[in-house]
Amino acid sequence: MTETSGAARQPVRVMVVDDHPMWRDAVARDLAAAGFEVVATAGDGPQAVRRARAAAPDVLVLDLNLPGMPGVRVCRELVGADSALRVLVLSASGEHADVLEAVKSGATGYLLKSAGAEELVDAVRRTAAGDPVFTPGLAGLVLGEYRRLASEPAPTAGPADPAAPRLTERETEVLRLVAKGLSYKQIAERLVISHRTVQNHVQNTLGKLQLHNRVELVRYAIERGLDEA
């Protein structure tokens, strides 16, 4: 079955970055077999940045330990330049410092290499949809990091501008649940709306607030106490 969101939609475009050729090829094969379009692969950091910019994948499956440039820097370079790109870190490391650094660099999710093929395929599918995907046990850690980031001064005054566009009641409701750490699927079930509708509300909110990704969105919400409402 191809990864489409409708008859007119193209398969999700994926790029795999890992410095071990056998592992990289195996991941690419698994994803291609599941219906994703593997548009590129890379074995080091600089190559990953160049090829990702040329191939324009929807999802980057990224190892952290890369020659030439660490994965977190690859993530920072690419997500900073193109907020439409989703990054799923696939790493052998479950160290909290690595997970938090990946999140701060803009990664949407973090999966350990011990995950099975089905779990990886599901993670890439959910990452493409904008859901945060984390190996069990890491989600709480990441939510804690969101809270810590919210206690620091914002890098720009934009999101804190009192003249920022007003959100609709439903957008605020979705934002509150995002700040509580719920996935888009959980939010859809809670509000009895479709997954796509949740995605649309989040994208509209990002646009109104001039934010770039989920990390900034959760930070915005927590700064305003929406996670406690």
N, C-alpha and C. Protein backbone atom coordinates (compact mmCIF):
# COMPACT_ATOMS: atom_id res chain seq x y z
N MET A 1 0.86 -1.19 0.00
CA MET A 1 0.00 0.00 0.00
C MET A 1 0.88 1.23 0.00
N THR A 2 0.64 2.19 -0.88
CA THR A 2 1.48 3.37 -0.94
C THR A 2 1.09 4.36 0.14
N GLU A 3 2.09 5.17 0.52
CA GLU A 3 1.87 6.17 1.55
C GLU A 3 1.26 7.41 0.92
N THR A 4 -0.05 7.47 0.83
CA THR A 4 -0.72 8.63 0.26
C THR A 4 -1.77 9.13 1.21
N SER A 5 -2.12 10.40 1.05
CA SER A 5 -3.16 11.00 1.87
C SER A 5 -4.42 11.21 1.04
N GLY A 6 -4.45 10.65 -0.13
CA GLY A 6 -5.58 10.80 -1.02
C GLY A 6 -5.16 10.38 -2.41
N ALA A 7 -6.14 10.26 -3.30
CA ALA A 7 -5.85 9.73 -4.63
C ALA A 7 -4.86 10.60 -5.38
N ALA A 8 -4.88 11.90 -5.15
CA ALA A 8 -4.02 12.80 -5.91
C ALA A 8 -2.68 13.06 -5.22
N ARG A 9 -2.50 12.53 -4.04
CA ARG A 9 -1.28 12.79 -3.29
C ARG A 9 -0.18 11.81 -3.67
N GLN A 10 1.03 12.31 -3.65
CA GLN A 10 2.19 11.49 -3.96
C GLN A 10 2.68 10.78 -2.69
N PRO A 11 3.44 9.69 -2.85
CA PRO A 11 4.00 9.02 -1.67
C PRO A 11 4.89 9.97 -0.87
N VAL A 12 4.98 9.73 0.42
CA VAL A 12 5.86 10.53 1.29
C VAL A 12 7.30 10.31 0.85
N ARG A 13 8.01 11.41 0.66
CA ARG A 13 9.40 11.37 0.21
C ARG A 13 10.33 11.30 1.42
N VAL A 14 11.20 10.30 1.44
CA VAL A 14 12.05 10.05 2.60
C VAL A 14 13.52 10.01 2.19
N MET A 15 14.37 10.50 3.06
CA MET A 15 15.82 10.40 2.88
C MET A 15 16.41 9.73 4.12
N VAL A 16 17.36 8.82 3.93
CA VAL A 16 17.97 8.07 5.03
C VAL A 16 19.44 8.46 5.15
N VAL A 17 19.84 8.85 6.35
CA VAL A 17 21.23 9.27 6.60
C VAL A 17 21.84 8.41 7.70
N ASP A 18 22.87 7.66 7.35
CA ASP A 18 23.59 6.83 8.32
C ASP A 18 24.96 6.50 7.73
N ASP A 19 25.98 6.44 8.58
CA ASP A 19 27.33 6.19 8.05
C ASP A 19 27.64 4.71 7.87
N HIS A 20 26.73 3.82 8.26
CA HIS A 20 26.94 2.39 8.04
C HIS A 20 26.14 1.96 6.81
N PRO A 21 26.82 1.63 5.70
CA PRO A 21 26.13 1.33 4.44
C PRO A 21 25.09 0.22 4.54
N MET A 22 25.41 -0.87 5.23
CA MET A 22 24.47 -1.98 5.31
C MET A 22 23.20 -1.56 6.05
N TRP A 23 23.36 -0.84 7.15
CA TRP A 23 22.21 -0.38 7.93
C TRP A 23 21.40 0.62 7.12
N ARG A 24 22.09 1.56 6.49
CA ARG A 24 21.42 2.58 5.68
C ARG A 24 20.60 1.95 4.57
N ASP A 25 21.20 0.99 3.87
CA ASP A 25 20.50 0.33 2.76
C ASP A 25 19.31 -0.49 3.25
N ALA A 26 19.47 -1.13 4.42
CA ALA A 26 18.38 -1.94 4.97
C ALA A 26 17.19 -1.07 5.34
N VAL A 27 17.46 0.08 5.97
CA VAL A 27 16.38 1.01 6.33
C VAL A 27 15.69 1.53 5.08
N ALA A 28 16.49 1.89 4.08
CA ALA A 28 15.92 2.40 2.83
C ALA A 28 15.03 1.34 2.17
N ARG A 29 15.47 0.08 2.18
CA ARG A 29 14.68 -0.99 1.58
C ARG A 29 13.37 -1.18 2.32
N ASP A 30 13.43 -1.17 3.66
CA ASP A 30 12.21 -1.36 4.46
C ASP A 30 11.19 -0.26 4.17
N LEU A 31 11.68 0.97 4.07
CA LEU A 31 10.78 2.09 3.83
C LEU A 31 10.21 2.06 2.41
N ALA A 32 11.05 1.71 1.46
CA ALA A 32 10.57 1.61 0.07
C ALA A 32 9.52 0.50 -0.05
N ALA A 33 9.76 -0.61 0.64
CA ALA A 33 8.81 -1.73 0.59
C ALA A 33 7.47 -1.35 1.22
N ALA A 34 7.49 -0.39 2.15
CA ALA A 34 6.26 0.05 2.82
C ALA A 34 5.51 1.11 2.01
N GLY A 35 6.09 1.52 0.88
CA GLY A 35 5.38 2.47 0.02
C GLY A 35 5.91 3.88 0.05
N PHE A 36 6.95 4.14 0.84
CA PHE A 36 7.56 5.46 0.84
C PHE A 36 8.46 5.61 -0.38
N GLU A 37 8.67 6.83 -0.81
CA GLU A 37 9.60 7.10 -1.92
C GLU A 37 10.93 7.55 -1.32
N VAL A 38 11.94 6.68 -1.38
CA VAL A 38 13.26 7.03 -0.86
C VAL A 38 13.97 7.84 -1.93
N VAL A 39 14.09 9.14 -1.71
CA VAL A 39 14.62 10.05 -2.73
C VAL A 39 16.12 10.23 -2.66
N ALA A 40 16.73 9.87 -1.53
CA ALA A 40 18.18 10.02 -1.39
C ALA A 40 18.66 9.32 -0.13
N THR A 41 19.96 9.03 -0.09
CA THR A 41 20.62 8.54 1.11
C THR A 41 21.94 9.29 1.23
N ALA A 42 22.52 9.25 2.41
CA ALA A 42 23.81 9.91 2.62
C ALA A 42 24.55 9.21 3.75
N GLY A 43 25.89 9.30 3.73
CA GLY A 43 26.70 8.62 4.72
C GLY A 43 27.50 9.52 5.62
N ASP A 44 27.44 10.84 5.40
CA ASP A 44 28.13 11.76 6.31
C ASP A 44 27.34 13.06 6.39
N GLY A 45 27.73 13.93 7.34
CA GLY A 45 26.97 15.15 7.58
C GLY A 45 26.89 16.12 6.42
N PRO A 46 28.04 16.54 5.87
CA PRO A 46 28.00 17.50 4.76
C PRO A 46 27.23 16.96 3.55
N GLN A 47 27.42 15.68 3.26
CA GLN A 47 26.71 15.05 2.15
C GLN A 47 25.20 15.07 2.41
N ALA A 48 24.83 14.83 3.68
CA ALA A 48 23.41 14.83 4.04
C ALA A 48 22.77 16.19 3.78
N VAL A 49 23.46 17.25 4.16
CA VAL A 49 22.92 18.60 3.97
C VAL A 49 22.76 18.90 2.48
N ARG A 50 23.80 18.59 1.70
CA ARG A 50 23.75 18.87 0.27
C ARG A 50 22.62 18.09 -0.41
N ARG A 51 22.56 16.79 -0.13
CA ARG A 51 21.57 15.96 -0.82
C ARG A 51 20.15 16.25 -0.36
N ALA A 52 19.99 16.58 0.91
CA ALA A 52 18.64 16.91 1.40
C ALA A 52 18.12 18.17 0.73
N ARG A 53 18.98 19.15 0.57
CA ARG A 53 18.56 20.40 -0.09
C ARG A 53 18.22 20.16 -1.55
N ALA A 54 18.93 19.22 -2.18
CA ALA A 54 18.67 18.93 -3.59
C ALA A 54 17.43 18.05 -3.78
N ALA A 55 17.25 17.06 -2.88
CA ALA A 55 16.17 16.08 -3.04
C ALA A 55 14.85 16.53 -2.41
N ALA A 56 14.91 17.45 -1.46
CA ALA A 56 13.71 17.98 -0.78
C ALA A 56 12.80 16.88 -0.25
N PRO A 57 13.29 16.03 0.66
CA PRO A 57 12.43 14.99 1.24
C PRO A 57 11.40 15.59 2.19
N ASP A 58 10.34 14.83 2.44
CA ASP A 58 9.36 15.25 3.45
C ASP A 58 9.86 14.87 4.84
N VAL A 59 10.52 13.71 4.93
CA VAL A 59 11.02 13.21 6.20
C VAL A 59 12.49 12.81 6.04
N LEU A 60 13.31 13.25 6.98
CA LEU A 60 14.72 12.86 7.03
C LEU A 60 14.90 11.89 8.19
N VAL A 61 15.29 10.65 7.89
CA VAL A 61 15.60 9.66 8.92
C VAL A 61 17.09 9.79 9.19
N LEU A 62 17.45 10.26 10.36
CA LEU A 62 18.80 10.76 10.60
C LEU A 62 19.50 10.11 11.79
N ASP A 63 20.70 9.59 11.56
CA ASP A 63 21.55 9.12 12.65
C ASP A 63 22.27 10.33 13.24
N LEU A 64 22.63 10.26 14.51
CA LEU A 64 23.32 11.38 15.14
C LEU A 64 24.83 11.32 14.97
N ASN A 65 25.37 10.12 14.98
CA ASN A 65 26.82 9.95 14.94
C ASN A 65 27.29 9.86 13.50
N LEU A 66 27.62 11.01 12.91
CA LEU A 66 28.01 11.06 11.50
C LEU A 66 29.39 11.69 11.35
N PRO A 67 30.18 11.21 10.41
CA PRO A 67 31.47 11.85 10.14
C PRO A 67 31.26 13.19 9.43
N GLY A 68 32.17 14.11 9.67
CA GLY A 68 32.13 15.39 8.98
C GLY A 68 31.27 16.45 9.62
N MET A 69 30.15 16.04 10.18
CA MET A 69 29.22 16.98 10.82
C MET A 69 28.23 16.16 11.64
N PRO A 70 28.08 16.45 12.94
CA PRO A 70 27.15 15.65 13.75
C PRO A 70 25.71 15.81 13.29
N GLY A 71 24.91 14.78 13.58
CA GLY A 71 23.52 14.79 13.15
C GLY A 71 22.73 15.97 13.66
N VAL A 72 23.01 16.42 14.89
CA VAL A 72 22.26 17.55 15.43
C VAL A 72 22.50 18.81 14.62
N ARG A 73 23.73 18.95 14.11
CA ARG A 73 24.01 20.13 13.29
C ARG A 73 23.34 20.01 11.92
N VAL A 74 23.31 18.80 11.38
CA VAL A 74 22.59 18.57 10.12
C VAL A 74 21.13 18.96 10.30
N CYS A 75 20.56 18.52 11.40
CA CYS A 75 19.16 18.83 11.70
C CYS A 75 18.95 20.34 11.81
N ARG A 76 19.84 21.00 12.53
CA ARG A 76 19.72 22.44 12.74
C ARG A 76 19.81 23.20 11.41
N GLU A 77 20.74 22.78 10.56
CA GLU A 77 20.93 23.45 9.27
C GLU A 77 19.70 23.29 8.38
N LEU A 78 19.15 22.10 8.34
CA LEU A 78 18.06 21.83 7.41
C LEU A 78 16.70 22.30 7.92
N VAL A 79 16.43 22.07 9.20
CA VAL A 79 15.13 22.50 9.74
C VAL A 79 15.08 24.02 9.81
N GLY A 80 16.22 24.65 10.09
CA GLY A 80 16.25 26.11 10.15
C GLY A 80 15.96 26.73 8.80
N ALA A 81 16.35 26.03 7.73
CA ALA A 81 16.17 26.59 6.40
C ALA A 81 14.82 26.21 5.80
N ASP A 82 14.23 25.13 6.28
CA ASP A 82 12.98 24.64 5.69
C ASP A 82 12.12 24.01 6.77
N SER A 83 11.17 24.79 7.28
CA SER A 83 10.35 24.30 8.39
C SER A 83 9.40 23.19 7.96
N ALA A 84 9.26 22.96 6.65
CA ALA A 84 8.38 21.89 6.19
C ALA A 84 9.02 20.52 6.37
N LEU A 85 10.32 20.47 6.51
CA LEU A 85 11.02 19.20 6.66
C LEU A 85 10.80 18.64 8.06
N ARG A 86 10.48 17.34 8.13
CA ARG A 86 10.37 16.65 9.42
C ARG A 86 11.59 15.77 9.60
N VAL A 87 12.12 15.73 10.80
CA VAL A 87 13.31 14.92 11.07
C VAL A 87 13.00 13.88 12.13
N LEU A 88 13.23 12.62 11.77
CA LEU A 88 13.11 11.53 12.73
C LEU A 88 14.52 11.01 13.00
N VAL A 89 15.01 11.20 14.21
CA VAL A 89 16.32 10.69 14.57
C VAL A 89 16.21 9.18 14.82
N LEU A 90 17.10 8.42 14.22
CA LEU A 90 17.16 6.97 14.42
C LEU A 90 18.57 6.67 14.91
N SER A 91 18.70 6.47 16.22
CA SER A 91 20.02 6.40 16.84
C SER A 91 20.17 5.19 17.75
N ALA A 92 21.40 4.78 17.92
CA ALA A 92 21.70 3.70 18.87
C ALA A 92 21.75 4.23 20.29
N SER A 93 21.85 5.55 20.43
CA SER A 93 21.98 6.17 21.75
C SER A 93 20.63 6.52 22.35
N GLY A 94 20.44 6.08 23.60
CA GLY A 94 19.24 6.47 24.33
C GLY A 94 19.58 7.45 25.44
N GLU A 95 20.78 8.03 25.37
CA GLU A 95 21.21 8.99 26.39
C GLU A 95 20.31 10.21 26.36
N HIS A 96 19.90 10.64 27.53
CA HIS A 96 18.99 11.78 27.62
C HIS A 96 19.58 13.02 26.97
N ALA A 97 20.87 13.24 27.14
CA ALA A 97 21.50 14.44 26.57
C ALA A 97 21.37 14.43 25.05
N ASP A 98 21.51 13.26 24.42
CA ASP A 98 21.40 13.16 22.97
C ASP A 98 19.97 13.43 22.52
N VAL A 99 19.01 12.89 23.26
CA VAL A 99 17.60 13.09 22.92
C VAL A 99 17.24 14.58 23.00
N LEU A 100 17.63 15.22 24.09
CA LEU A 100 17.29 16.63 24.28
C LEU A 100 17.97 17.52 23.26
N GLU A 101 19.21 17.20 22.92
CA GLU A 101 19.93 17.99 21.93
C GLU A 101 19.26 17.86 20.56
N ALA A 102 18.78 16.67 20.25
CA ALA A 102 18.08 16.46 18.98
C ALA A 102 16.79 17.27 18.94
N VAL A 103 16.05 17.28 20.04
CA VAL A 103 14.80 18.04 20.10
C VAL A 103 15.08 19.53 19.95
N LYS A 104 16.10 20.02 20.65
CA LYS A 104 16.45 21.44 20.55
C LYS A 104 16.90 21.82 19.15
N SER A 105 17.43 20.84 18.41
CA SER A 105 17.90 21.11 17.05
C SER A 105 16.77 21.08 16.03
N GLY A 106 15.57 20.66 16.47
CA GLY A 106 14.42 20.70 15.58
C GLY A 106 13.87 19.36 15.17
N ALA A 107 14.38 18.27 15.74
CA ALA A 107 13.87 16.94 15.39
C ALA A 107 12.42 16.78 15.85
N THR A 108 11.62 16.14 15.02
CA THR A 108 10.22 15.88 15.36
C THR A 108 10.10 14.66 16.27
N GLY A 109 11.00 13.69 16.07
CA GLY A 109 10.93 12.46 16.86
C GLY A 109 12.28 11.82 17.06
N TYR A 110 12.31 10.79 17.91
CA TYR A 110 13.56 10.13 18.25
C TYR A 110 13.25 8.65 18.51
N LEU A 111 13.84 7.80 17.68
CA LEU A 111 13.59 6.37 17.77
C LEU A 111 14.92 5.64 17.92
N LEU A 112 14.96 4.65 18.80
CA LEU A 112 16.18 3.86 18.97
C LEU A 112 16.29 2.82 17.86
N LYS A 113 17.53 2.47 17.51
CA LYS A 113 17.77 1.51 16.43
C LYS A 113 17.32 0.10 16.80
N SER A 114 17.01 -0.10 18.05
CA SER A 114 16.49 -1.41 18.47
C SER A 114 15.05 -1.62 18.03
N ALA A 115 14.42 -0.57 17.49
CA ALA A 115 13.03 -0.67 17.02
C ALA A 115 12.94 -1.63 15.85
N GLY A 116 11.82 -2.32 15.73
CA GLY A 116 11.59 -3.23 14.62
C GLY A 116 11.19 -2.47 13.37
N ALA A 117 11.15 -3.18 12.24
CA ALA A 117 10.82 -2.55 10.96
C ALA A 117 9.42 -1.94 10.97
N GLU A 118 8.45 -2.63 11.56
CA GLU A 118 7.08 -2.11 11.60
C GLU A 118 7.01 -0.83 12.43
N GLU A 119 7.75 -0.82 13.53
CA GLU A 119 7.76 0.37 14.38
C GLU A 119 8.39 1.55 13.64
N LEU A 120 9.45 1.28 12.88
CA LEU A 120 10.10 2.34 12.10
C LEU A 120 9.15 2.89 11.04
N VAL A 121 8.49 2.01 10.32
CA VAL A 121 7.56 2.44 9.27
C VAL A 121 6.45 3.31 9.87
N ASP A 122 5.90 2.88 11.00
CA ASP A 122 4.86 3.65 11.66
C ASP A 122 5.39 5.00 12.13
N ALA A 123 6.63 5.01 12.63
CA ALA A 123 7.24 6.26 13.11
C ALA A 123 7.43 7.25 11.97
N VAL A 124 7.88 6.77 10.81
CA VAL A 124 8.07 7.66 9.67
C VAL A 124 6.73 8.19 9.18
N ARG A 125 5.72 7.32 9.16
CA ARG A 125 4.38 7.75 8.74
C ARG A 125 3.86 8.85 9.68
N ARG A 126 4.00 8.65 10.96
CA ARG A 126 3.50 9.63 11.93
C ARG A 126 4.33 10.91 11.90
N THR A 127 5.64 10.77 11.68
CA THR A 127 6.50 11.95 11.59
C THR A 127 6.08 12.81 10.40
N ALA A 128 5.79 12.16 9.28
CA ALA A 128 5.35 12.89 8.08
C ALA A 128 4.06 13.67 8.35
N ALA A 129 3.22 13.12 9.24
CA ALA A 129 1.95 13.78 9.58
C ALA A 129 2.13 14.88 10.62
N GLY A 130 3.35 15.01 11.15
CA GLY A 130 3.62 16.06 12.13
C GLY A 130 3.51 15.63 13.57
N ASP A 131 3.28 14.34 13.81
CA ASP A 131 3.19 13.83 15.18
C ASP A 131 4.59 13.67 15.78
N PRO A 132 4.75 13.99 17.05
CA PRO A 132 6.02 13.71 17.71
C PRO A 132 6.10 12.22 18.01
N VAL A 133 7.18 11.58 17.63
CA VAL A 133 7.33 10.13 17.81
C VAL A 133 8.58 9.87 18.64
N PHE A 134 8.40 9.22 19.78
CA PHE A 134 9.55 8.93 20.64
C PHE A 134 9.50 7.50 21.14
N THR A 135 10.68 6.89 21.24
CA THR A 135 10.77 5.58 21.85
C THR A 135 10.13 5.65 23.23
N PRO A 136 9.32 4.65 23.61
CA PRO A 136 8.65 4.67 24.92
C PRO A 136 9.62 5.02 26.05
N GLY A 137 9.19 5.91 26.91
CA GLY A 137 10.03 6.33 28.03
C GLY A 137 10.71 7.66 27.79
N LEU A 138 10.76 8.10 26.53
CA LEU A 138 11.44 9.36 26.23
C LEU A 138 10.48 10.53 26.08
N ALA A 139 9.19 10.26 25.87
CA ALA A 139 8.23 11.34 25.66
C ALA A 139 8.14 12.28 26.86
N GLY A 140 8.13 11.71 28.07
CA GLY A 140 8.07 12.54 29.27
C GLY A 140 9.30 13.41 29.41
N LEU A 141 10.43 12.87 29.05
CA LEU A 141 11.68 13.62 29.10
C LEU A 141 11.61 14.83 28.18
N VAL A 142 11.07 14.61 26.98
CA VAL A 142 11.00 15.68 25.99
C VAL A 142 10.01 16.75 26.44
N LEU A 143 8.88 16.35 27.01
CA LEU A 143 7.92 17.33 27.50
C LEU A 143 8.55 18.18 28.60
N GLY A 144 9.37 17.55 29.43
CA GLY A 144 10.09 18.30 30.45
C GLY A 144 11.04 19.31 29.84
N GLU A 145 11.64 18.96 28.72
CA GLU A 145 12.53 19.89 28.03
C GLU A 145 11.74 21.06 27.46
N TYR A 146 10.55 20.78 26.93
CA TYR A 146 9.69 21.86 26.45
C TYR A 146 9.44 22.87 27.59
N ARG A 147 9.18 22.32 28.77
CA ARG A 147 8.89 23.20 29.91
C ARG A 147 10.13 24.02 30.30
N ARG A 148 11.29 23.37 30.23
CA ARG A 148 12.52 24.10 30.56
C ARG A 148 12.78 25.22 29.56
N LEU A 149 12.55 24.92 28.28
CA LEU A 149 12.74 25.93 27.26
C LEU A 149 11.80 27.11 27.47
N ALA A 150 10.61 26.79 27.95
CA ALA A 150 9.62 27.85 28.15
C ALA A 150 10.03 28.81 29.26
N SER A 151 10.91 28.37 30.15
CA SER A 151 11.35 29.22 31.26
C SER A 151 12.49 30.14 30.85
N GLU A 152 13.04 29.92 29.65
CA GLU A 152 14.15 30.75 29.17
C GLU A 152 13.61 31.90 28.33
N PRO A 153 14.36 32.99 28.21
CA PRO A 153 13.93 34.10 27.37
C PRO A 153 13.77 33.66 25.93
N ALA A 154 12.73 34.11 25.28
CA ALA A 154 12.52 33.76 23.87
C ALA A 154 13.57 34.45 23.01
N PRO A 155 14.02 33.81 21.91
CA PRO A 155 15.03 34.41 21.07
C PRO A 155 14.57 35.66 20.34
N THR A 156 13.25 35.78 20.10
CA THR A 156 12.73 36.97 19.45
C THR A 156 11.49 37.42 20.20
N ALA A 157 11.12 38.67 19.97
CA ALA A 157 9.95 39.21 20.66
C ALA A 157 8.65 38.87 19.94
N GLY A 158 8.76 38.32 18.72
CA GLY A 158 7.57 38.08 17.89
C GLY A 158 6.46 37.33 18.58
N PRO A 159 6.73 36.08 19.05
CA PRO A 159 5.66 35.29 19.66
C PRO A 159 5.06 35.92 20.90
N ALA A 160 5.84 36.77 21.62
CA ALA A 160 5.36 37.37 22.86
C ALA A 160 4.67 38.71 22.60
N ASP A 161 4.63 39.14 21.35
CA ASP A 161 4.04 40.41 20.98
C ASP A 161 2.56 40.42 21.33
N PRO A 162 2.13 41.37 22.17
CA PRO A 162 0.71 41.41 22.55
C PRO A 162 -0.20 41.64 21.35
N ALA A 163 0.38 42.13 20.24
CA ALA A 163 -0.43 42.37 19.06
C ALA A 163 -0.51 41.15 18.15
N ALA A 164 -0.02 40.01 18.64
CA ALA A 164 -0.04 38.79 17.84
C ALA A 164 -1.49 38.44 17.48
N PRO A 165 -1.71 37.86 16.29
CA PRO A 165 -3.08 37.52 15.86
C PRO A 165 -3.78 36.63 16.88
N ARG A 166 -5.07 36.85 17.02
CA ARG A 166 -5.86 36.06 17.95
C ARG A 166 -6.15 34.69 17.35
N LEU A 167 -6.12 33.68 18.21
CA LEU A 167 -6.46 32.32 17.77
C LEU A 167 -7.95 32.09 17.97
N THR A 168 -8.50 31.21 17.17
CA THR A 168 -9.90 30.83 17.36
C THR A 168 -10.01 29.96 18.61
N GLU A 169 -11.22 29.76 19.07
CA GLU A 169 -11.43 28.93 20.26
C GLU A 169 -10.93 27.50 20.02
N ARG A 170 -11.16 26.95 18.82
CA ARG A 170 -10.72 25.60 18.52
C ARG A 170 -9.20 25.53 18.39
N GLU A 171 -8.59 26.54 17.80
CA GLU A 171 -7.12 26.57 17.69
C GLU A 171 -6.48 26.61 19.08
N THR A 172 -7.07 27.39 19.97
CA THR A 172 -6.55 27.46 21.34
C THR A 172 -6.72 26.12 22.04
N GLU A 173 -7.84 25.46 21.79
CA GLU A 173 -8.11 24.16 22.40
C GLU A 173 -7.08 23.12 21.93
N VAL A 174 -6.79 23.12 20.62
CA VAL A 174 -5.80 22.21 20.08
C VAL A 174 -4.42 22.53 20.64
N LEU A 175 -4.09 23.81 20.71
CA LEU A 175 -2.79 24.23 21.23
C LEU A 175 -2.60 23.78 22.68
N ARG A 176 -3.67 23.87 23.46
CA ARG A 176 -3.61 23.45 24.86
C ARG A 176 -3.28 21.96 24.97
N LEU A 177 -3.87 21.15 24.11
CA LEU A 177 -3.62 19.71 24.14
C LEU A 177 -2.24 19.36 23.60
N VAL A 178 -1.76 20.13 22.62
CA VAL A 178 -0.39 19.94 22.14
C VAL A 178 0.59 20.21 23.27
N ALA A 179 0.34 21.26 24.04
CA ALA A 179 1.22 21.62 25.15
C ALA A 179 1.22 20.57 26.25
N LYS A 180 0.13 19.82 26.35
CA LYS A 180 0.06 18.75 27.35
C LYS A 180 0.78 17.48 26.90
N GLY A 181 1.28 17.50 25.65
CA GLY A 181 2.05 16.37 25.15
C GLY A 181 1.25 15.34 24.38
N LEU A 182 0.00 15.64 24.03
CA LEU A 182 -0.82 14.68 23.29
C LEU A 182 -0.39 14.66 21.82
N SER A 183 -0.48 13.49 21.20
CA SER A 183 -0.20 13.36 19.77
C SER A 183 -1.40 13.89 19.00
N TYR A 184 -1.21 14.12 17.70
CA TYR A 184 -2.32 14.60 16.88
C TYR A 184 -3.46 13.59 16.88
N LYS A 185 -3.13 12.31 16.87
CA LYS A 185 -4.16 11.27 16.89
C LYS A 185 -4.97 11.35 18.18
N GLN A 186 -4.28 11.53 19.31
CA GLN A 186 -4.96 11.62 20.60
C GLN A 186 -5.84 12.87 20.66
N ILE A 187 -5.34 13.97 20.09
CA ILE A 187 -6.11 15.21 20.07
C ILE A 187 -7.37 15.02 19.24
N ALA A 188 -7.23 14.36 18.08
CA ALA A 188 -8.37 14.12 17.21
C ALA A 188 -9.44 13.30 17.93
N GLU A 189 -9.00 12.27 18.67
CA GLU A 189 -9.95 11.44 19.40
C GLU A 189 -10.61 12.22 20.54
N ARG A 190 -9.82 13.04 21.23
CA ARG A 190 -10.34 13.82 22.35
C ARG A 190 -11.40 14.82 21.88
N LEU A 191 -11.16 15.47 20.73
CA LEU A 191 -12.05 16.52 20.26
C LEU A 191 -13.08 16.01 19.24
N VAL A 192 -12.99 14.71 18.93
CA VAL A 192 -13.90 14.08 17.96
C VAL A 192 -13.84 14.83 16.62
N ILE A 193 -12.62 15.01 16.13
CA ILE A 193 -12.41 15.59 14.81
C ILE A 193 -11.39 14.73 14.09
N SER A 194 -11.15 14.99 12.83
CA SER A 194 -10.22 14.16 12.07
C SER A 194 -8.77 14.55 12.34
N HIS A 195 -7.87 13.60 12.08
CA HIS A 195 -6.43 13.86 12.21
C HIS A 195 -6.03 15.02 11.32
N ARG A 196 -6.55 15.07 10.10
CA ARG A 196 -6.22 16.14 9.16
C ARG A 196 -6.67 17.50 9.68
N THR A 197 -7.83 17.54 10.33
CA THR A 197 -8.32 18.80 10.89
C THR A 197 -7.38 19.30 11.98
N VAL A 198 -6.88 18.38 12.81
CA VAL A 198 -5.92 18.77 13.84
C VAL A 198 -4.67 19.36 13.19
N GLN A 199 -4.16 18.69 12.16
CA GLN A 199 -2.99 19.19 11.45
C GLN A 199 -3.24 20.60 10.90
N ASN A 200 -4.42 20.81 10.33
CA ASN A 200 -4.74 22.12 9.76
C ASN A 200 -4.76 23.19 10.84
N HIS A 201 -5.34 22.87 12.00
CA HIS A 201 -5.38 23.85 13.09
C HIS A 201 -3.96 24.20 13.55
N VAL A 202 -3.10 23.18 13.66
CA VAL A 202 -1.73 23.43 14.09
C VAL A 202 -0.99 24.29 13.07
N GLN A 203 -1.14 23.96 11.78
CA GLN A 203 -0.46 24.75 10.75
C GLN A 203 -0.96 26.19 10.73
N ASN A 204 -2.27 26.38 10.90
CA ASN A 204 -2.82 27.73 10.95
C ASN A 204 -2.28 28.51 12.15
N THR A 205 -2.16 27.81 13.28
CA THR A 205 -1.65 28.45 14.49
C THR A 205 -0.18 28.84 14.32
N LEU A 206 0.61 27.94 13.74
CA LEU A 206 2.03 28.26 13.48
C LEU A 206 2.14 29.50 12.60
N GLY A 207 1.29 29.56 11.57
CA GLY A 207 1.34 30.70 10.67
C GLY A 207 0.95 32.00 11.35
N LYS A 208 -0.12 31.96 12.13
CA LYS A 208 -0.58 33.16 12.82
C LYS A 208 0.45 33.69 13.81
N LEU A 209 1.11 32.77 14.51
CA LEU A 209 2.06 33.17 15.55
C LEU A 209 3.49 33.34 15.02
N GLN A 210 3.67 33.06 13.74
CA GLN A 210 4.98 33.17 13.10
C GLN A 210 6.01 32.28 13.80
N LEU A 211 5.58 31.05 14.10
CA LEU A 211 6.46 30.05 14.70
C LEU A 211 6.80 29.02 13.64
N HIS A 212 7.85 28.24 13.90
CA HIS A 212 8.37 27.37 12.85
C HIS A 212 8.15 25.87 13.08
N ASN A 213 8.02 25.44 14.34
CA ASN A 213 7.91 24.01 14.57
C ASN A 213 7.21 23.75 15.90
N ARG A 214 7.04 22.46 16.21
CA ARG A 214 6.30 22.07 17.41
C ARG A 214 6.99 22.52 18.70
N VAL A 215 8.32 22.50 18.71
CA VAL A 215 9.05 22.93 19.90
C VAL A 215 8.69 24.37 20.25
N GLU A 216 8.72 25.25 19.23
CA GLU A 216 8.39 26.66 19.46
C GLU A 216 6.92 26.81 19.85
N LEU A 217 6.06 25.99 19.26
CA LEU A 217 4.63 26.07 19.56
C LEU A 217 4.34 25.69 21.00
N VAL A 218 4.96 24.60 21.46
CA VAL A 218 4.75 24.16 22.84
C VAL A 218 5.33 25.18 23.81
N ARG A 219 6.47 25.72 23.45
CA ARG A 219 7.08 26.75 24.30
C ARG A 219 6.13 27.94 24.44
N TYR A 220 5.57 28.38 23.34
CA TYR A 220 4.61 29.49 23.35
C TYR A 220 3.44 29.19 24.29
N ALA A 221 2.90 27.96 24.16
CA ALA A 221 1.74 27.58 24.97
C ALA A 221 2.07 27.52 26.45
N ILE A 222 3.23 26.93 26.78
CA ILE A 222 3.61 26.80 28.18
C ILE A 222 3.89 28.16 28.80
N GLU A 223 4.49 29.06 28.03
CA GLU A 223 4.75 30.42 28.53
C GLU A 223 3.46 31.10 28.96
N ARG A 224 2.36 30.72 28.32
CA ARG A 224 1.07 31.34 28.62
C ARG A 224 0.19 30.49 29.53
N GLY A 225 0.79 29.40 30.07
CA GLY A 225 0.09 28.58 31.03
C GLY A 225 -1.01 27.71 30.44
N LEU A 226 -1.00 27.53 29.12
CA LEU A 226 -2.06 26.74 28.49
C LEU A 226 -1.99 25.27 28.85
N ASP A 227 -0.79 24.79 29.22
CA ASP A 227 -0.66 23.38 29.58
C ASP A 227 -1.26 23.07 30.93
N GLU A 228 -1.58 24.12 31.69
CA GLU A 228 -2.15 23.92 33.03
C GLU A 228 -3.64 24.19 33.04
N ALA A 229 -4.15 24.63 31.90
CA ALA A 229 -5.57 25.00 31.84
C ALA A 229 -6.46 23.77 31.80
